[in-house]
Every structure is written in structure tokens, then in C-alpha cells.
């Protein structure tokens, strides 16, 4: 009997562990799917694709070939880079071979000793390809050269030289522009992992921390946000990814920031804010995505750049504030400890903005006091007339 009880308890414990594991796994999958369903990733990439694009619209990408090349990934760009040079070398190598073939300069035609070829020392397709390469990249080994015998060869030499300069300028320029794009400067601008909601200056605010990892500044920086959510209009139309403006401010103002040290930007949750009707109990039940943008001009290159990130309800912590990260050393320097960059500290916070403003109004009325408008003093006229 004792062994049966032990076996029964073991079976129950295993079943309980299995159910607990299954429940956690299901919740993890749900949370993971919800985290995937976001328009902007944490590093700023947009999660969107275009389907059923008409063929005429696709032709526009070929018209704007420069932007198309710049937007390509490095593996595709390098493939085009190598293919452009190898293809042009081989194409002109065939043309040089055709010129030598027509003029009967090849050894299989057994030219006489007094025969002057269009191009010296072209004996086949391989030597024609080498001459094409030497011509286009202007190596000039001095072994193969064009003679004045053929006008066709001279024209082909001029045409390949001009086309080679164009290809070289375009492809090298595209590589240089790809390397120097200001979006790489944006990689050194980082946002905090989470946003927090707490009181700041007596007001309920949503706060986000942003830092510049370089000592060079961003000129004319401007911070703003967009709240993306699904809304239903009074006419019954469902708008997916409806955008609502979110104004962020810094104590020094949100224009022309002195962005040398980490800044804490905040959005005041007032009656015009979409967060006004949310509370600590209901914010996780909301379906929204807060996208934060930072625009600025790179000091070194004068190119504009944009940094962006996003926060979903699970990444907005209610009742927390950011830990301090700036301190002063004994040598008199200011030190930024990025170990605490995204660290938060729990603080006492109203559970909703509506309650905070009601509490403030009640305290203000209690201090101010007011007359009861329903109390009216009326005078009664006394008369000496009596009836017997």
C-alpha cells in the first residue's frame, strides 16, 4: 500500500510538471508571436512587405537605379559589382576577337610576315580577353597594343575606354556611398530597452532614455513619436496601423539638443494623450506599438540621419524610473556608466493618470474652499396684521 501511494504521488507530480511546462511553453509562444507582430524592430528595421506590385511599378525601380543599388544588401551589391566588370571585360574581349578574326590576324589564317594586325599579339580568345582587361583598367603591360591599321579597332578602343570609366565611376561610387551612408552613424545612437511610466515634475509621464555613443554631436536633433494601433471610425471603417502623434520633450527642449550625454525624454500623459485612459491593470491588455524617432545631422559629414525604435505594451513598465548613470570622478570628469543605462528602479506611482488628476483637483479644492451655490439667504418681511 505504501509503495502504491508513492507511485501514485510520483505520477501526479510528473503530470503536474508536464502541465506546468506545457502552460509555460504555450505562454512563451504567445508572447513570442506577439513580439514578432511589430512594425519596427528594436534596431529600427521595418517589418513590412509589398505584395501584388504591378509590373509597371516595378519598372520604376530600374529608372531610379542609383537608389536601387544603394538599398541592395552587400551580397547582391558585390555580385553586381563583380559581374559588371567581368561582363564588360568578356564582352569587349569577344569584340576584339571578332576584329582580329575579320582582319585575319589570328594564327590559323597564317598571316604573312609583312601583315600588320589591328592588335599586336592577339592569338585567340584568351589573349583577346586579356587585352580587353588591360585596356579597360589601363594596366598597359606593353606587350599587346593597337596599331593604326584598323579604324574599327581605334573606335572600339575609344568606346571601351569611355564605357570603362563610366562603369568604374558608378560602381566605385555606389560602394563608397554605401559605406558612408548616415544610417551607420545611427548605429551609435541607442535607446533604452524599456519605457517607464512614473511621476516627473508632479505629472504622470512616459519616459525613454536615449544615448549617443560617440563624442561627435548630432546637429539640430529632433525627437518625436508615433503610436500605432488599430482603430474603428464612427463610420465602421477599421484602420490598421493608425498613427497618433506623441510629443516628447526634454527639460532643455526637444529642438537642437546638446546630445553629448544620455538624455531622458518624456511624454506628459494629460487628457490629450492616448495613454490617459490606460492604467497599470489595463496597459498589458492594450494592442499598440510606440515608435520613437530621432532625426539629426551628422556633424562630420553634414548628412541627415534617422534613428528609430519601438515599444510594445510588454516593454512599458508602469511605476518605474531609470537609475542614474552620470557621475563625477575625482579628476573632475563626468563619467557615464552604461551598465545602468536600461536599469529601472521601482517608485511609487498612481495606477492611472485619471486618478492622479482627480486627486490633484480634490486637494486644490480643499485648499481653496468654495461657497455653496445652493445656499441663498432670503429676508422675511414681518407684518403686524393679525386676524381674529
Protein backbone atom coordinates (compact mmCIF):
# COMPACT_ATOMS: atom_id res chain seq x y z
CA UNK A 1 0.00 0.00 0.00
CA UNK A 2 2.83 2.35 0.84
CA UNK A 3 4.55 1.67 -2.48
CA UNK A 4 1.26 2.28 -4.32
CA UNK A 5 0.89 5.69 -2.67
CA UNK A 6 4.44 6.61 -3.61
CA UNK A 7 3.86 5.55 -7.20
CA UNK A 8 0.61 7.50 -7.32
CA UNK A 9 2.28 10.65 -5.94
CA UNK A 10 5.11 10.30 -8.46
CA UNK A 11 2.60 10.02 -11.32
CA UNK A 12 0.70 13.07 -10.11
CA UNK A 13 3.88 15.09 -9.73
CA UNK A 14 5.02 14.17 -13.24
CA UNK A 15 1.63 15.12 -14.68
CA UNK A 16 1.71 18.41 -12.78
CA UNK A 17 5.19 19.20 -14.04
CA UNK A 18 4.15 18.34 -17.59
CA UNK A 19 1.08 20.59 -17.39
CA UNK A 20 3.15 23.40 -15.91
CA UNK A 21 5.76 23.03 -18.66
CA UNK A 22 3.04 22.93 -21.32
CA UNK A 23 1.43 26.07 -19.93
CA UNK A 24 4.72 27.95 -19.83
CA UNK A 25 5.60 26.83 -23.34
CA UNK A 26 2.21 27.99 -24.67
CA UNK A 27 2.55 31.37 -22.95
CA UNK A 28 6.09 31.69 -24.31
CA UNK A 29 4.88 31.01 -27.85
CA UNK A 30 2.04 33.50 -27.45
CA UNK A 31 4.38 36.18 -26.17
CA UNK A 32 6.90 35.42 -28.89
CA UNK A 33 4.27 35.69 -31.62
CA UNK A 34 3.06 38.95 -30.16
CA UNK A 35 6.58 40.31 -30.02
CA UNK A 36 7.07 39.41 -33.67
CA UNK A 37 3.95 41.31 -34.72
CA UNK A 38 5.56 44.72 -34.67
CA UNK A 39 6.11 47.18 -37.47
CA UNK A 40 9.51 48.47 -36.29
CA UNK A 41 12.06 46.24 -34.62
CA UNK A 42 14.18 47.36 -31.68
CA UNK A 43 17.10 48.18 -34.00
CA UNK A 44 14.89 50.28 -36.30
CA UNK A 45 14.21 47.90 -39.20
CA UNK A 46 10.70 47.99 -40.65
CA UNK A 47 8.80 44.71 -40.73
CA UNK A 48 6.68 45.21 -43.82
CA UNK A 49 6.45 43.67 -47.26
CA UNK A 50 4.75 44.73 -50.50
CA UNK A 51 2.66 42.26 -52.44
CA UNK A 52 0.96 42.30 -55.85
CA UNK A 53 3.06 45.17 -57.15
CA UNK A 54 2.26 45.81 -60.81
CA UNK A 55 4.92 45.28 -63.43
CA UNK A 56 4.82 48.95 -64.42
CA UNK A 57 5.54 49.95 -60.83
CA UNK A 58 8.49 47.58 -60.68
CA UNK A 59 9.97 49.29 -63.72
CA UNK A 60 10.27 52.47 -61.64
CA UNK A 61 12.98 50.78 -59.55
CA UNK A 62 15.08 50.36 -62.69
CA UNK A 63 14.57 54.01 -63.60
CA UNK A 64 15.89 55.04 -60.18
CA UNK A 65 18.83 52.65 -60.49
CA UNK A 66 21.11 54.61 -58.15
CA UNK A 67 18.80 54.33 -55.13
CA UNK A 68 18.05 50.71 -56.01
CA UNK A 69 21.75 49.85 -55.98
CA UNK A 70 22.28 51.68 -52.68
CA UNK A 71 19.39 49.88 -51.00
CA UNK A 72 20.64 46.43 -52.00
CA UNK A 73 22.30 44.20 -49.46
CA UNK A 74 26.04 43.81 -49.58
CA UNK A 75 25.97 40.30 -51.09
CA UNK A 76 23.82 41.46 -54.00
CA UNK A 77 25.81 44.66 -54.43
CA UNK A 78 29.13 42.80 -54.60
CA UNK A 79 27.62 40.33 -57.05
CA UNK A 80 26.58 43.20 -59.32
CA UNK A 81 29.99 44.88 -58.82
CA UNK A 82 31.94 41.79 -59.90
CA UNK A 83 29.51 40.91 -62.68
CA UNK A 84 29.66 44.41 -64.16
CA UNK A 85 33.45 44.33 -64.55
CA UNK A 86 33.78 40.69 -65.62
CA UNK A 87 30.88 41.03 -68.04
CA UNK A 88 32.30 44.14 -69.70
CA UNK A 89 35.78 42.62 -69.96
CA UNK A 90 34.43 39.46 -71.55
CA UNK A 91 32.07 41.32 -73.90
CA UNK A 92 34.81 43.56 -75.24
CA UNK A 93 37.15 40.55 -75.36
CA UNK A 94 34.70 38.94 -77.80
CA UNK A 95 34.60 42.14 -79.84
CA UNK A 96 38.40 42.28 -80.01
CA UNK A 97 38.42 38.65 -81.08
CA UNK A 98 35.88 39.42 -83.82
CA UNK A 99 38.03 42.32 -85.06
CA UNK A 100 41.10 40.08 -85.19
CA UNK A 101 39.07 37.33 -86.88
CA UNK A 102 37.66 39.63 -89.57
CA UNK A 103 41.06 41.16 -90.26
CA UNK A 104 42.60 37.66 -90.33
CA UNK A 105 45.16 38.41 -87.64
CA UNK A 106 44.79 35.03 -85.90
CA UNK A 107 47.46 32.31 -86.32
CA UNK A 108 45.01 29.89 -88.02
CA UNK A 109 44.92 32.25 -91.01
CA UNK A 110 48.73 32.01 -91.37
CA UNK A 111 49.34 35.75 -91.92
CA UNK A 112 52.41 36.79 -93.93
CA UNK A 113 55.47 38.37 -92.39
CA UNK A 114 54.55 41.80 -93.81
CA UNK A 115 50.99 41.57 -92.40
CA UNK A 116 50.17 44.32 -89.89
CA UNK A 117 47.46 43.22 -87.43
CA UNK A 118 44.85 45.51 -85.88
CA UNK A 119 46.08 44.49 -82.42
CA UNK A 120 49.51 43.06 -81.84
CA UNK A 121 49.89 39.62 -80.23
CA UNK A 122 46.22 38.54 -80.15
CA UNK A 123 46.37 34.81 -80.80
CA UNK A 124 42.96 33.70 -79.55
CA UNK A 125 40.02 34.35 -77.26
CA UNK A 126 42.16 34.26 -74.11
CA UNK A 127 44.61 36.86 -75.36
CA UNK A 128 41.66 39.00 -76.58
CA UNK A 129 40.14 38.85 -73.07
CA UNK A 130 43.48 39.86 -71.51
CA UNK A 131 43.78 42.79 -73.92
CA UNK A 132 40.24 43.88 -73.06
CA UNK A 133 41.10 43.79 -69.34
CA UNK A 134 44.35 45.73 -69.85
CA UNK A 135 42.56 48.35 -71.94
CA UNK A 136 39.65 48.95 -69.55
CA UNK A 137 41.69 49.11 -66.34
CA UNK A 138 44.61 50.89 -68.09
CA UNK A 139 47.25 48.41 -66.95
CA UNK A 140 49.41 48.79 -70.06
CA UNK A 141 51.86 45.89 -69.99
CA UNK A 142 53.21 46.96 -73.38
CA UNK A 143 53.00 43.52 -74.99
CA UNK A 144 49.62 43.86 -76.73
CA UNK A 145 48.73 47.18 -78.39
CA UNK A 146 46.52 48.69 -81.09
CA UNK A 147 48.06 49.66 -84.41
CA UNK A 148 46.93 52.32 -86.88
CA UNK A 149 45.96 49.64 -89.38
CA UNK A 150 42.22 49.40 -88.47
CA UNK A 151 39.84 52.30 -87.84
CA UNK A 152 37.40 49.82 -86.27
CA UNK A 153 39.96 48.86 -83.64
CA UNK A 154 40.67 52.51 -82.82
CA UNK A 155 36.94 53.25 -82.42
CA UNK A 156 36.48 50.16 -80.23
CA UNK A 157 39.43 51.25 -78.08
CA UNK A 158 37.90 54.70 -77.53
CA UNK A 159 34.44 53.29 -76.82
CA UNK A 160 35.73 50.74 -74.28
CA UNK A 161 37.85 53.35 -72.50
CA UNK A 162 34.88 55.72 -72.09
CA UNK A 163 32.48 52.97 -71.03
CA UNK A 164 35.05 51.58 -68.62
CA UNK A 165 35.37 54.97 -66.89
CA UNK A 166 31.57 55.17 -66.56
CA UNK A 167 31.28 51.66 -65.09
CA UNK A 168 34.19 52.28 -62.75
CA UNK A 169 32.77 55.62 -61.56
CA UNK A 170 29.27 54.25 -60.99
CA UNK A 171 30.22 51.04 -59.19
CA UNK A 172 33.00 52.55 -57.05
CA UNK A 173 30.74 55.49 -56.23
CA UNK A 174 27.98 53.10 -55.17
CA UNK A 175 30.36 51.21 -52.89
CA UNK A 176 31.65 54.45 -51.34
CA UNK A 177 28.12 55.80 -50.87
CA UNK A 178 27.04 52.52 -49.27
CA UNK A 179 29.91 52.67 -46.79
CA UNK A 180 29.42 56.34 -45.94
CA UNK A 181 25.63 56.24 -45.52
CA UNK A 182 24.47 58.04 -42.41
CA UNK A 183 22.39 55.05 -41.31
CA UNK A 184 25.63 53.56 -40.00
CA UNK A 185 26.01 56.62 -37.78
CA UNK A 186 22.60 55.77 -36.40
CA UNK A 187 24.00 52.51 -35.02
CA UNK A 188 25.84 54.54 -32.37
CA UNK A 189 22.57 56.03 -31.08
CA UNK A 190 20.85 53.70 -28.65
CA UNK A 191 17.54 53.72 -26.85
CA UNK A 192 16.68 52.08 -23.55
CA UNK A 193 15.27 48.57 -23.75
CA UNK A 194 12.10 49.56 -21.91
CA UNK A 195 9.99 52.67 -21.49
CA UNK A 196 8.79 53.58 -18.00
CA UNK A 197 5.80 55.44 -16.61
CA UNK A 198 6.19 57.43 -13.39
CA UNK A 199 5.73 60.92 -11.97
CA UNK A 200 8.02 63.70 -13.14
CA UNK A 201 7.50 67.27 -12.02
CA UNK A 202 4.17 66.39 -10.45
CA UNK A 203 2.85 64.94 -13.72
CA UNK A 204 2.48 61.38 -14.91
CA UNK A 205 4.93 60.85 -17.76
CA UNK A 206 6.16 58.15 -20.08
CA UNK A 207 9.96 58.25 -20.09
CA UNK A 208 12.55 56.86 -22.51
CA UNK A 209 16.32 57.11 -22.28
CA UNK A 210 18.50 57.74 -25.34
CA UNK A 211 22.29 57.93 -25.57
CA UNK A 212 24.92 58.98 -28.09
CA UNK A 213 27.84 56.54 -28.03
CA UNK A 214 30.14 58.91 -29.92
CA UNK A 215 31.64 62.17 -28.76
CA UNK A 216 30.71 63.84 -32.05
CA UNK A 217 27.33 65.54 -31.84
CA UNK A 218 24.18 65.31 -33.89
CA UNK A 219 23.30 68.81 -35.04
CA UNK A 220 19.69 70.01 -34.93
CA UNK A 221 18.36 66.85 -33.31
CA UNK A 222 14.59 66.46 -33.04
CA UNK A 223 12.70 63.74 -31.13
CA UNK A 224 9.10 62.70 -31.75
CA UNK A 225 6.94 59.59 -31.63
CA UNK A 226 4.04 57.79 -33.30
CA UNK A 227 1.56 55.49 -31.60
CA UNK A 228 0.43 52.74 -33.96
CA UNK A 229 -2.82 50.94 -33.19
CA UNK A 230 -5.93 49.59 -34.85
CA UNK A 231 -8.90 51.94 -34.65
CA UNK A 232 -12.51 51.82 -35.80
CA UNK A 233 -14.01 55.04 -37.12
CA UNK A 234 -17.60 56.12 -36.32
CA UNK A 235 -18.48 55.05 -39.86
CA UNK A 236 -17.37 51.49 -39.07
CA UNK A 237 -14.11 51.58 -41.03
CA UNK A 238 -11.24 49.61 -39.49
CA UNK A 239 -7.89 51.38 -39.83
CA UNK A 240 -4.86 49.17 -39.22
CA UNK A 241 -1.67 50.92 -38.11
CA UNK A 242 -3.47 54.17 -37.42
CA UNK A 243 -0.88 56.78 -36.41
CA UNK A 244 -1.28 59.14 -33.45
CA UNK A 245 1.31 61.84 -32.76
CA UNK A 246 3.18 61.51 -29.45
CA UNK A 247 5.04 64.63 -28.36
CA UNK A 248 8.28 64.04 -26.48
CA UNK A 249 10.11 66.78 -24.65
CA UNK A 250 13.37 67.17 -22.77
CA UNK A 251 13.97 69.60 -19.94
CA UNK A 252 16.17 71.60 -22.31
CA UNK A 253 13.58 71.46 -25.12
CA UNK A 254 13.14 68.97 -27.94
CA UNK A 255 14.87 71.12 -30.57
CA UNK A 256 18.65 71.48 -31.05
CA UNK A 257 19.58 69.06 -28.29
CA UNK A 258 23.03 69.17 -26.72
CA UNK A 259 23.37 65.45 -27.21
CA UNK A 260 26.71 64.77 -25.54
CA UNK A 261 25.40 62.71 -22.62
CA UNK A 262 22.41 60.36 -22.27
CA UNK A 263 19.08 62.16 -22.20
CA UNK A 264 15.76 61.15 -20.71
CA UNK A 265 12.90 62.18 -22.95
CA UNK A 266 9.36 62.12 -21.64
CA UNK A 267 5.80 62.37 -22.82
CA UNK A 268 3.31 64.05 -20.49
CA UNK A 269 0.23 61.89 -20.03
CA UNK A 270 -2.52 64.50 -19.97
CA UNK A 271 -6.11 64.47 -21.19
CA UNK A 272 -4.97 64.74 -24.82
CA UNK A 273 -2.61 61.76 -24.53
CA UNK A 274 -3.69 58.32 -25.80
CA UNK A 275 -2.23 56.87 -22.58
CA UNK A 276 -4.64 58.88 -20.41
CA UNK A 277 -7.28 56.15 -20.20
CA UNK A 278 -4.75 53.36 -19.58
CA UNK A 279 -3.81 52.09 -16.16
CA UNK A 280 -1.36 49.68 -14.60
CA UNK A 281 -4.00 46.93 -14.78
CA UNK A 282 -5.05 47.51 -18.40
CA UNK A 283 -1.90 48.57 -20.25
CA UNK A 284 -0.84 44.98 -20.93
CA UNK A 285 -4.25 44.30 -22.47
CA UNK A 286 -3.78 47.11 -25.00
CA UNK A 287 -2.66 46.49 -28.56
CA UNK A 288 -0.34 49.29 -29.62
CA UNK A 289 3.20 49.99 -30.73
CA UNK A 290 5.04 53.16 -29.76
CA UNK A 291 7.61 54.14 -32.39
CA UNK A 292 10.17 56.77 -31.35
CA UNK A 293 12.21 58.75 -33.89
CA UNK A 294 15.35 60.84 -33.52
CA UNK A 295 16.32 62.97 -36.53
CA UNK A 296 19.59 64.87 -36.75
CA UNK A 297 22.50 65.95 -38.92
CA UNK A 298 25.84 64.15 -38.65
CA UNK A 299 28.49 66.64 -37.60
CA UNK A 300 31.29 65.02 -39.63
CA UNK A 301 29.50 64.63 -42.98
CA UNK A 302 26.54 67.06 -42.73
CA UNK A 303 24.27 64.20 -43.81
CA UNK A 304 20.90 63.74 -42.14
CA UNK A 305 20.13 60.50 -40.35
CA UNK A 306 17.21 59.00 -38.51
CA UNK A 307 17.26 56.61 -35.56
CA UNK A 308 14.12 54.75 -34.57
CA UNK A 309 12.95 52.06 -32.20
CA UNK A 310 9.64 50.78 -30.89
CA UNK A 311 7.97 49.66 -27.68
CA UNK A 312 5.06 47.27 -27.27
CA UNK A 313 2.90 47.08 -24.10
CA UNK A 314 5.15 44.43 -22.50
CA UNK A 315 8.09 46.83 -22.79
CA UNK A 316 6.35 49.72 -20.99
CA UNK A 317 6.95 49.40 -17.23
CA UNK A 318 4.40 51.21 -15.07
CA UNK A 319 5.69 52.51 -11.74
CA UNK A 320 9.42 52.63 -12.52
CA UNK A 321 12.06 55.24 -13.26
CA UNK A 322 15.55 54.98 -14.73
CA UNK A 323 18.57 54.60 -12.47
CA UNK A 324 21.11 57.48 -12.59
CA UNK A 325 24.12 56.84 -14.81
CA UNK A 326 26.08 60.13 -14.84
CA UNK A 327 28.59 60.77 -12.05
CA UNK A 328 31.64 62.96 -11.48
CA UNK A 329 35.08 61.46 -10.92
CA UNK A 330 37.78 62.71 -8.57
CA UNK A 331 39.65 64.15 -11.57
CA UNK A 332 36.68 66.37 -12.35
CA UNK A 333 35.48 64.43 -15.40
CA UNK A 334 31.92 63.31 -15.99
CA UNK A 335 31.55 59.54 -16.25
CA UNK A 336 28.63 57.73 -17.89
CA UNK A 337 28.03 54.21 -16.61
CA UNK A 338 26.22 52.37 -19.39
CA UNK A 339 25.80 49.34 -17.14
CA UNK A 340 22.78 51.15 -15.67
CA UNK A 341 21.56 52.54 -18.98
CA UNK A 342 18.40 50.40 -19.12
CA UNK A 343 18.23 49.65 -15.40
CA UNK A 344 14.99 50.70 -13.72
CA UNK A 345 14.02 51.36 -10.11
CA UNK A 346 10.50 50.84 -8.78
CA UNK A 347 8.88 54.02 -7.41
CA UNK A 348 5.50 54.96 -6.01
CA UNK A 349 3.24 55.86 -8.93
CA UNK A 350 -0.51 56.42 -9.34
CA UNK A 351 -2.12 53.46 -11.04
CA UNK A 352 -3.75 55.72 -13.68
CA UNK A 353 -3.46 59.29 -14.92
CA UNK A 354 -7.17 59.93 -14.30
CA UNK A 355 -6.74 59.17 -10.59
CA UNK A 356 -3.70 61.46 -10.33
CA UNK A 357 -5.52 64.46 -11.80
CA UNK A 358 -8.65 63.79 -9.73
CA UNK A 359 -6.51 63.66 -6.61
CA UNK A 360 -4.80 66.92 -7.53
CA UNK A 361 -8.15 68.62 -8.20
CA UNK A 362 -9.54 67.42 -4.88
CA UNK A 363 -6.51 68.74 -2.97
CA UNK A 364 -6.70 72.07 -4.80
CA UNK A 365 -10.38 72.47 -3.97
CA UNK A 366 -9.78 71.55 -0.34
CA UNK A 367 -7.09 74.22 -0.04
CA UNK A 368 -9.07 76.84 -1.92
CA UNK A 369 -12.52 76.26 -0.38
CA UNK A 370 -15.67 77.46 -2.09
CA UNK A 371 -19.17 78.74 -1.25
CA UNK A 372 -22.18 76.53 -1.57
CA UNK A 373 -24.09 77.98 -4.50
CA UNK A 374 -27.29 76.31 -3.25
CA UNK A 375 -27.34 78.32 -0.01
CA UNK A 376 -29.30 81.56 -0.58
CA UNK A 377 -30.04 83.98 2.25
CA UNK A 378 -33.57 85.35 1.91
CA UNK A 379 -35.07 88.09 4.07
CA UNK A 380 -38.56 87.67 5.63
CA UNK A 381 -40.73 90.76 6.00
CA UNK A 382 -42.60 90.72 9.33
CA UNK A 383 -46.13 92.25 9.44
CA UNK A 384 -48.27 93.21 12.43
CA UNK A 385 -51.51 92.27 10.78
CA UNK A 386 -53.39 89.57 12.65
CA UNK A 387 -56.69 88.01 12.10
CA UNK A 388 -59.07 87.36 14.91
